[in-house]
PDB file of N, CA and C in Angstrom:
ATOM      1  N   MET A   1     -28.333   5.905 -25.652  1.00  0.00           N
ATOM      2  CA  MET A   1     -27.036   6.607 -25.140  1.00  0.00           C
ATOM      3  C   MET A   1     -27.606   7.326 -23.837  1.00  0.00           C
ATOM      4  N   ARG A   2     -26.791   7.146 -22.806  1.00  0.00           N
ATOM      5  CA  ARG A   2     -27.070   7.824 -21.403  1.00  0.00           C
ATOM      6  C   ARG A   2     -26.946   9.200 -21.486  1.00  0.00           C
ATOM      7  N   THR A   3     -27.755   9.903 -20.833  1.00  0.00           N
ATOM      8  CA  THR A   3     -27.356  11.470 -20.675  1.00  0.00           C
ATOM      9  C   THR A   3     -27.308  11.717 -19.139  1.00  0.00           C
ATOM     10  N   GLY A   4     -26.527  12.593 -18.820  1.00  0.00           N
ATOM     11  CA  GLY A   4     -26.341  12.935 -17.330  1.00  0.00           C
ATOM     12  C   GLY A   4     -25.417  12.002 -16.611  1.00  0.00           C
ATOM     13  N   LYS A   5     -24.599  12.570 -15.788  1.00  0.00           N
ATOM     14  CA  LYS A   5     -23.581  11.835 -15.107  1.00  0.00           C
ATOM     15  C   LYS A   5     -24.283  11.444 -13.648  1.00  0.00           C
ATOM     16  N   THR A   6     -24.321  10.118 -13.481  1.00  0.00           N
ATOM     17  CA  THR A   6     -24.585   9.812 -12.061  1.00  0.00           C
ATOM     18  C   THR A   6     -23.614   9.341 -11.151  1.00  0.00           C
ATOM     19  N   PHE A   7     -22.437   9.333 -11.634  1.00  0.00           N
ATOM     20  CA  PHE A   7     -21.172   8.871 -10.620  1.00  0.00           C
ATOM     21  C   PHE A   7     -19.834   9.704 -11.185  1.00  0.00           C
ATOM     22  N   ASP A   8     -19.324  10.301 -10.386  1.00  0.00           N
ATOM     23  CA  ASP A   8     -18.236  11.080 -10.736  1.00  0.00           C
ATOM     24  C   ASP A   8     -16.994  10.556  -9.910  1.00  0.00           C
ATOM     25  N   CYS A   9     -16.200   9.724 -10.621  1.00  0.00           N
ATOM     26  CA  CYS A   9     -15.093   9.008  -9.767  1.00  0.00           C
ATOM     27  C   CYS A   9     -14.009  10.073  -9.276  1.00  0.00           C
ATOM     28  N   VAL A  10     -13.888  11.031 -10.071  1.00  0.00           N
ATOM     29  CA  VAL A  10     -12.864  12.092  -9.655  1.00  0.00           C
ATOM     30  C   VAL A  10     -13.206  12.741  -8.483  1.00  0.00           C
ATOM     31  N   GLN A  11     -14.469  13.059  -8.515  1.00  0.00           N
ATOM     32  CA  GLN A  11     -15.056  13.807  -7.351  1.00  0.00           C
ATOM     33  C   GLN A  11     -14.987  12.933  -5.974  1.00  0.00           C
ATOM     34  N   MET A  12     -15.281  11.676  -6.279  1.00  0.00           N
ATOM     35  CA  MET A  12     -15.285  10.705  -5.131  1.00  0.00           C
ATOM     36  C   MET A  12     -13.820  10.622  -4.637  1.00  0.00           C
ATOM     37  N   LYS A  13     -12.837  10.617  -5.519  1.00  0.00           N
ATOM     38  CA  LYS A  13     -11.360  10.600  -5.124  1.00  0.00           C
ATOM     39  C   LYS A  13     -11.008  11.794  -4.291  1.00  0.00           C
ATOM     40  N   TRP A  14     -11.383  12.963  -4.714  1.00  0.00           N
ATOM     41  CA  TRP A  14     -11.088  14.186  -4.127  1.00  0.00           C
ATOM     42  C   TRP A  14     -11.878  14.159  -2.564  1.00  0.00           C
ATOM     43  N   ASP A  15     -13.087  13.724  -2.632  1.00  0.00           N
ATOM     44  CA  ASP A  15     -13.628  13.572  -1.224  1.00  0.00           C
ATOM     45  C   ASP A  15     -13.110  12.654  -0.191  1.00  0.00           C
ATOM     46  N   ILE A  16     -12.644  11.419  -0.737  1.00  0.00           N
ATOM     47  CA  ILE A  16     -11.961  10.446   0.125  1.00  0.00           C
ATOM     48  C   ILE A  16     -10.574  11.071   0.575  1.00  0.00           C
ATOM     49  N   GLN A  17      -9.930  11.817  -0.383  1.00  0.00           N
ATOM     50  CA  GLN A  17      -8.594  12.308   0.135  1.00  0.00           C
ATOM     51  C   GLN A  17      -8.780  13.360   0.973  1.00  0.00           C
ATOM     52  N   ARG A  18      -9.867  14.199   0.902  1.00  0.00           N
ATOM     53  CA  ARG A  18      -9.963  15.263   2.053  1.00  0.00           C
ATOM     54  C   ARG A  18     -10.428  14.582   3.276  1.00  0.00           C
ATOM     55  N   LYS A  19     -11.348  13.634   3.382  1.00  0.00           N
ATOM     56  CA  LYS A  19     -11.604  12.791   4.494  1.00  0.00           C
ATOM     57  C   LYS A  19     -10.289  12.330   5.172  1.00  0.00           C
ATOM     58  N   LEU A  20      -9.455  11.588   4.413  1.00  0.00           N
ATOM     59  CA  LEU A  20      -8.143  11.222   4.879  1.00  0.00           C
ATOM     60  C   LEU A  20      -7.265  12.175   5.577  1.00  0.00           C
ATOM     61  N   ARG A  21      -7.094  13.305   4.813  1.00  0.00           N
ATOM     62  CA  ARG A  21      -6.519  14.457   5.466  1.00  0.00           C
ATOM     63  C   ARG A  21      -6.952  15.071   6.785  1.00  0.00           C
ATOM     64  N   GLU A  22      -8.221  15.064   6.770  1.00  0.00           N
ATOM     65  CA  GLU A  22      -8.792  15.507   8.149  1.00  0.00           C
ATOM     66  C   GLU A  22      -8.570  14.469   9.212  1.00  0.00           C
ATOM     67  N   GLU A  23      -8.620  13.229   8.912  1.00  0.00           N
ATOM     68  CA  GLU A  23      -8.413  12.185   9.926  1.00  0.00           C
ATOM     69  C   GLU A  23      -7.036  12.168  10.299  1.00  0.00           C
ATOM     70  N   GLU A  24      -6.059  12.439   9.467  1.00  0.00           N
ATOM     71  CA  GLU A  24      -4.582  12.503   9.850  1.00  0.00           C
ATOM     72  C   GLU A  24      -4.013  13.801  10.276  1.00  0.00           C
ATOM     73  N   LYS A  25      -4.880  14.709  10.348  1.00  0.00           N
ATOM     74  CA  LYS A  25      -4.255  16.091  10.572  1.00  0.00           C
ATOM     75  C   LYS A  25      -3.693  16.048  12.025  1.00  0.00           C
ATOM     76  N   GLY A  26      -2.497  16.594  11.914  1.00  0.00           N
ATOM     77  CA  GLY A  26      -1.889  16.714  13.331  1.00  0.00           C
ATOM     78  C   GLY A  26      -1.034  15.506  13.825  1.00  0.00           C
ATOM     79  N   LEU A  27      -1.194  14.380  13.058  1.00  0.00           N
ATOM     80  CA  LEU A  27      -0.486  13.157  13.367  1.00  0.00           C
ATOM     81  C   LEU A  27       0.926  13.070  12.962  1.00  0.00           C
ATOM     82  N   SER A  28       1.679  12.595  13.535  1.00  0.00           N
ATOM     83  CA  SER A  28       3.227  12.397  13.149  1.00  0.00           C
ATOM     84  C   SER A  28       3.204  11.219  12.158  1.00  0.00           C
ATOM     85  N   LEU A  29       4.358  11.014  11.481  1.00  0.00           N
ATOM     86  CA  LEU A  29       4.498  10.066  10.412  1.00  0.00           C
ATOM     87  C   LEU A  29       4.183   8.722  11.025  1.00  0.00           C
ATOM     88  N   ASP A  30       4.854   8.317  12.126  1.00  0.00           N
ATOM     89  CA  ASP A  30       4.678   7.093  12.900  1.00  0.00           C
ATOM     90  C   ASP A  30       3.157   6.809  13.215  1.00  0.00           C
ATOM     91  N   GLU A  31       2.532   7.963  13.544  1.00  0.00           N
ATOM     92  CA  GLU A  31       0.983   7.862  14.007  1.00  0.00           C
ATOM     93  C   GLU A  31       0.246   7.581  12.767  1.00  0.00           C
ATOM     94  N   ARG A  32       0.522   8.110  11.701  1.00  0.00           N
ATOM     95  CA  ARG A  32      -0.206   7.840  10.447  1.00  0.00           C
ATOM     96  C   ARG A  32       0.008   6.498   9.928  1.00  0.00           C
ATOM     97  N   GLN A  33       1.213   6.012  10.048  1.00  0.00           N
ATOM     98  CA  GLN A  33       1.499   4.725   9.489  1.00  0.00           C
ATOM     99  C   GLN A  33       0.752   3.625  10.468  1.00  0.00           C
ATOM    100  N   ALA A  34       0.801   3.899  11.777  1.00  0.00           N
ATOM    101  CA  ALA A  34       0.016   3.026  12.656  1.00  0.00           C
ATOM    102  C   ALA A  34      -1.565   3.044  12.320  1.00  0.00           C
ATOM    103  N   LEU A  35      -2.027   4.147  12.005  1.00  0.00           N
ATOM    104  CA  LEU A  35      -3.502   4.354  11.748  1.00  0.00           C
ATOM    105  C   LEU A  35      -3.723   3.517  10.463  1.00  0.00           C
ATOM    106  N   MET A  36      -2.811   3.569   9.401  1.00  0.00           N
ATOM    107  CA  MET A  36      -3.006   2.966   8.120  1.00  0.00           C
ATOM    108  C   MET A  36      -2.934   1.488   8.455  1.00  0.00           C
ATOM    109  N   GLN A  37      -1.946   1.033   9.104  1.00  0.00           N
ATOM    110  CA  GLN A  37      -1.805  -0.436   9.520  1.00  0.00           C
ATOM    111  C   GLN A  37      -3.099  -0.815  10.173  1.00  0.00           C
ATOM    112  N   SER A  38      -3.581  -0.189  11.096  1.00  0.00           N
ATOM    113  CA  SER A  38      -4.758  -0.744  11.844  1.00  0.00           C
ATOM    114  C   SER A  38      -5.919  -0.728  10.909  1.00  0.00           C
ATOM    115  N   LYS A  39      -6.055   0.093  10.052  1.00  0.00           N
ATOM    116  CA  LYS A  39      -7.123   0.105   9.091  1.00  0.00           C
ATOM    117  C   LYS A  39      -7.147  -1.141   8.139  1.00  0.00           C
ATOM    118  N   ILE A  40      -5.843  -1.479   7.696  1.00  0.00           N
ATOM    119  CA  ILE A  40      -5.622  -2.359   6.753  1.00  0.00           C
ATOM    120  C   ILE A  40      -5.987  -3.686   7.424  1.00  0.00           C
ATOM    121  N   MET A  41      -5.491  -3.841   8.715  1.00  0.00           N
ATOM    122  CA  MET A  41      -5.803  -5.121   9.409  1.00  0.00           C
ATOM    123  C   MET A  41      -7.060  -5.268   9.776  1.00  0.00           C
ATOM    124  N   ALA A  42      -7.992  -4.204   9.856  1.00  0.00           N
ATOM    125  CA  ALA A  42      -9.461  -4.410  10.122  1.00  0.00           C
ATOM    126  C   ALA A  42     -10.011  -4.790   8.941  1.00  0.00           C
ATOM    127  N   ASP A  43      -9.567  -4.637   7.699  1.00  0.00           N
ATOM    128  CA  ASP A  43     -10.326  -4.887   6.510  1.00  0.00           C
ATOM    129  C   ASP A  43     -10.458  -6.381   6.289  1.00  0.00           C
ATOM    130  N   THR A  44     -11.650  -6.670   5.841  1.00  0.00           N
ATOM    131  CA  THR A  44     -11.851  -8.227   5.780  1.00  0.00           C
ATOM    132  C   THR A  44     -11.060  -8.923   4.623  1.00  0.00           C
ATOM    133  N   ILE A  45     -10.535  -8.085   3.641  1.00  0.00           N
ATOM    134  CA  ILE A  45      -9.877  -8.740   2.531  1.00  0.00           C
ATOM    135  C   ILE A  45      -8.294  -8.548   2.838  1.00  0.00           C
ATOM    136  N   LEU A  46      -8.006  -7.159   2.964  1.00  0.00           N
ATOM    137  CA  LEU A  46      -6.620  -6.857   3.163  1.00  0.00           C
ATOM    138  C   LEU A  46      -5.947  -7.287   4.284  1.00  0.00           C
ATOM    139  N   GLY A  47      -6.630  -7.394   5.478  1.00  0.00           N
ATOM    140  CA  GLY A  47      -6.008  -7.924   6.732  1.00  0.00           C
ATOM    141  C   GLY A  47      -5.516  -9.252   6.685  1.00  0.00           C
ATOM    142  N   PRO A  48      -6.347 -10.235   6.281  1.00  0.00           N
ATOM    143  CA  PRO A  48      -5.921 -11.611   6.225  1.00  0.00           C
ATOM    144  C   PRO A  48      -4.620 -11.866   5.234  1.00  0.00           C
ATOM    145  N   TRP A  49      -4.675 -10.981   4.099  1.00  0.00           N
ATOM    146  CA  TRP A  49      -3.814 -11.117   3.116  1.00  0.00           C
ATOM    147  C   TRP A  49      -2.449 -10.610   3.603  1.00  0.00           C
ATOM    148  N   LEU A  50      -2.416  -9.513   4.262  1.00  0.00           N
ATOM    149  CA  LEU A  50      -1.197  -8.812   4.827  1.00  0.00           C
ATOM    150  C   LEU A  50      -0.555  -9.813   5.987  1.00  0.00           C
ATOM    151  N   GLN A  51      -1.452 -10.406   6.612  1.00  0.00           N
ATOM    152  CA  GLN A  51      -1.006 -11.490   7.694  1.00  0.00           C
ATOM    153  C   GLN A  51      -0.199 -12.631   7.023  1.00  0.00           C
ATOM    154  N   ARG A  52      -0.835 -13.027   5.885  1.00  0.00           N
ATOM    155  CA  ARG A  52      -0.114 -14.117   5.110  1.00  0.00           C
ATOM    156  C   ARG A  52       1.210 -13.807   4.569  1.00  0.00           C
ATOM    157  N   VAL A  53       1.132 -12.669   3.904  1.00  0.00           N
ATOM    158  CA  VAL A  53       2.501 -12.103   3.322  1.00  0.00           C
ATOM    159  C   VAL A  53       3.487 -11.730   4.325  1.00  0.00           C
ATOM    160  N   THR A  54       3.072 -11.187   5.446  1.00  0.00           N
ATOM    161  CA  THR A  54       4.015 -10.944   6.599  1.00  0.00           C
ATOM    162  C   THR A  54       4.637 -12.158   7.055  1.00  0.00           C
ATOM    163  N   LYS A  55       3.785 -13.206   7.363  1.00  0.00           N
ATOM    164  CA  LYS A  55       4.125 -14.459   7.849  1.00  0.00           C
ATOM    165  C   LYS A  55       5.208 -15.260   6.936  1.00  0.00           C
ATOM    166  N   ARG A  56       4.725 -15.275   5.570  1.00  0.00           N
ATOM    167  CA  ARG A  56       5.684 -15.855   4.632  1.00  0.00           C
ATOM    168  C   ARG A  56       6.959 -15.094   4.434  1.00  0.00           C
ATOM    169  N   GLN A  57       7.109 -13.670   4.600  1.00  0.00           N
ATOM    170  CA  GLN A  57       8.355 -13.076   4.551  1.00  0.00           C
ATOM    171  C   GLN A  57       9.126 -13.283   5.633  1.00  0.00           C
ATOM    172  N   SER A  58       8.616 -13.313   6.826  1.00  0.00           N
ATOM    173  CA  SER A  58       9.390 -13.630   8.040  1.00  0.00           C
ATOM    174  C   SER A  58      10.122 -14.888   8.013  1.00  0.00           C
ATOM    175  N   THR A  59       9.561 -15.965   7.292  1.00  0.00           N
ATOM    176  CA  THR A  59      10.019 -17.294   7.268  1.00  0.00           C
ATOM    177  C   THR A  59      11.217 -17.427   6.131  1.00  0.00           C
ATOM    178  N   GLN A  60      11.260 -16.446   5.369  1.00  0.00           N
ATOM    179  CA  GLN A  60      12.247 -16.600   4.145  1.00  0.00           C
ATOM    180  C   GLN A  60      13.504 -15.871   4.461  1.00  0.00           C
ATOM    181  N   THR A  61      14.560 -16.343   3.967  1.00  0.00           N
ATOM    182  CA  THR A  61      15.915 -15.432   4.148  1.00  0.00           C
ATOM    183  C   THR A  61      16.039 -14.402   3.106  1.00  0.00           C
ATOM    184  N   ALA A  62      16.798 -13.443   3.399  1.00  0.00           N
ATOM    185  CA  ALA A  62      16.949 -12.254   2.626  1.00  0.00           C
ATOM    186  C   ALA A  62      17.419 -12.653   1.159  1.00  0.00           C
ATOM    187  N   ASP A  63      18.289 -13.669   1.046  1.00  0.00           N
ATOM    188  CA  ASP A  63      18.738 -14.028  -0.243  1.00  0.00           C
ATOM    189  C   ASP A  63      17.671 -14.737  -1.039  1.00  0.00           C
ATOM    190  N   ALA A  64      16.728 -15.467  -0.299  1.00  0.00           N
ATOM    191  CA  ALA A  64      15.593 -16.198  -0.942  1.00  0.00           C
ATOM    192  C   ALA A  64      14.578 -15.214  -1.562  1.00  0.00           C
ATOM    193  N   CYS A  65      14.507 -14.096  -0.837  1.00  0.00           N
ATOM    194  CA  CYS A  65      13.494 -13.074  -1.347  1.00  0.00           C
ATOM    195  C   CYS A  65      13.932 -12.312  -2.567  1.00  0.00           C
ATOM    196  N   VAL A  66      15.250 -12.189  -2.785  1.00  0.00           N
ATOM    197  CA  VAL A  66      15.793 -11.402  -3.907  1.00  0.00           C
ATOM    198  C   VAL A  66      16.348 -12.356  -4.967  1.00  0.00           C
ATOM    199  N   ALA A  67      15.638 -12.449  -6.130  1.00  0.00           N
ATOM    200  CA  ALA A  67      16.197 -13.429  -7.176  1.00  0.00           C
ATOM    201  C   ALA A  67      17.371 -12.943  -7.759  1.00  0.00           C
ATOM    202  N   GLU A  68      17.635 -11.543  -7.944  1.00  0.00           N
ATOM    203  CA  GLU A  68      18.946 -11.088  -8.297  1.00  0.00           C
ATOM    204  C   GLU A  68      20.152 -10.881  -7.236  1.00  0.00           C
ATOM    205  N   ALA A  69      20.107 -11.730  -6.191  1.00  0.00           N
ATOM    206  CA  ALA A  69      21.036 -11.497  -5.170  1.00  0.00           C
ATOM    207  C   ALA A  69      22.440 -11.368  -5.636  1.00  0.00           C
ATOM    208  N   GLY A  70      22.825 -12.373  -6.583  1.00  0.00           N
ATOM    209  CA  GLY A  70      24.042 -12.378  -7.021  1.00  0.00           C
ATOM    210  C   GLY A  70      24.448 -11.679  -8.397  1.00  0.00           C
ATOM    211  N   ALA A  71      23.318 -11.032  -8.806  1.00  0.00           N
ATOM    212  CA  ALA A  71      23.538 -10.311 -10.245  1.00  0.00           C
ATOM    213  C   ALA A  71      24.439  -9.100 -10.120  1.00  0.00           C
ATOM    214  N   ILE A  72      25.042  -8.875 -11.241  1.00  0.00           N
ATOM    215  CA  ILE A  72      26.059  -7.608 -11.186  1.00  0.00           C
ATOM    216  C   ILE A  72      25.307  -6.740 -12.337  1.00  0.00           C
ATOM    217  N   TYR A  73      24.935  -5.542 -12.087  1.00  0.00           N
ATOM    218  CA  TYR A  73      24.288  -4.797 -12.987  1.00  0.00           C
ATOM    219  C   TYR A  73      25.282  -3.774 -13.541  1.00  0.00           C
ATOM    220  N   GLY A  74      25.103  -3.402 -14.949  1.00  0.00           N
ATOM    221  CA  GLY A  74      25.986  -2.387 -15.425  1.00  0.00           C
ATOM    222  C   GLY A  74      26.199  -2.673 -17.128  1.00  0.00           C
ATOM    223  N   SER A  75      26.932  -2.099 -17.645  1.00  0.00           N
ATOM    224  CA  SER A  75      27.224  -2.233 -19.140  1.00  0.00           C
ATOM    225  C   SER A  75      28.751  -2.545 -19.193  1.00  0.00           C
ATOM    226  N   ARG A  76      28.841  -3.344 -20.104  1.00  0.00           N
ATOM    227  CA  ARG A  76      30.274  -3.866 -20.587  1.00  0.00           C
ATOM    228  C   ARG A  76      30.704  -2.901 -21.812  1.00  0.00           C
ATOM    229  N   THR A  77      31.898  -2.447 -21.699  1.00  0.00           N
ATOM    230  CA  THR A  77      32.557  -1.670 -22.740  1.00  0.00           C
ATOM    231  C   THR A  77      33.721  -2.398 -23.139  1.00  0.00           C
ATOM    232  N   LYS A  78      34.028  -2.347 -24.520  1.00  0.00           N
ATOM    233  CA  LYS A  78      35.107  -3.017 -25.017  1.00  0.00           C
ATOM    234  C   LYS A  78      36.180  -1.895 -25.240  1.00  0.00           C
TER     235      LYS A  78
END
């Protein structure tokens, strides 16, 4: 049995969130979104994936994207 903690994932999460808050301090919502977009596009995994998804969505029609386009939701009462 291992004793002593060598990695604290909760602390890591707090540290990352603090760093992000500092980076985004004073930015408007549009500026924060642009920063997030640029970070995603610069990522070697997420960037190419987002490009493929965005390209695929731009070639589909709105009805083709929504499987329930003609569905009527609600309950029937007698």
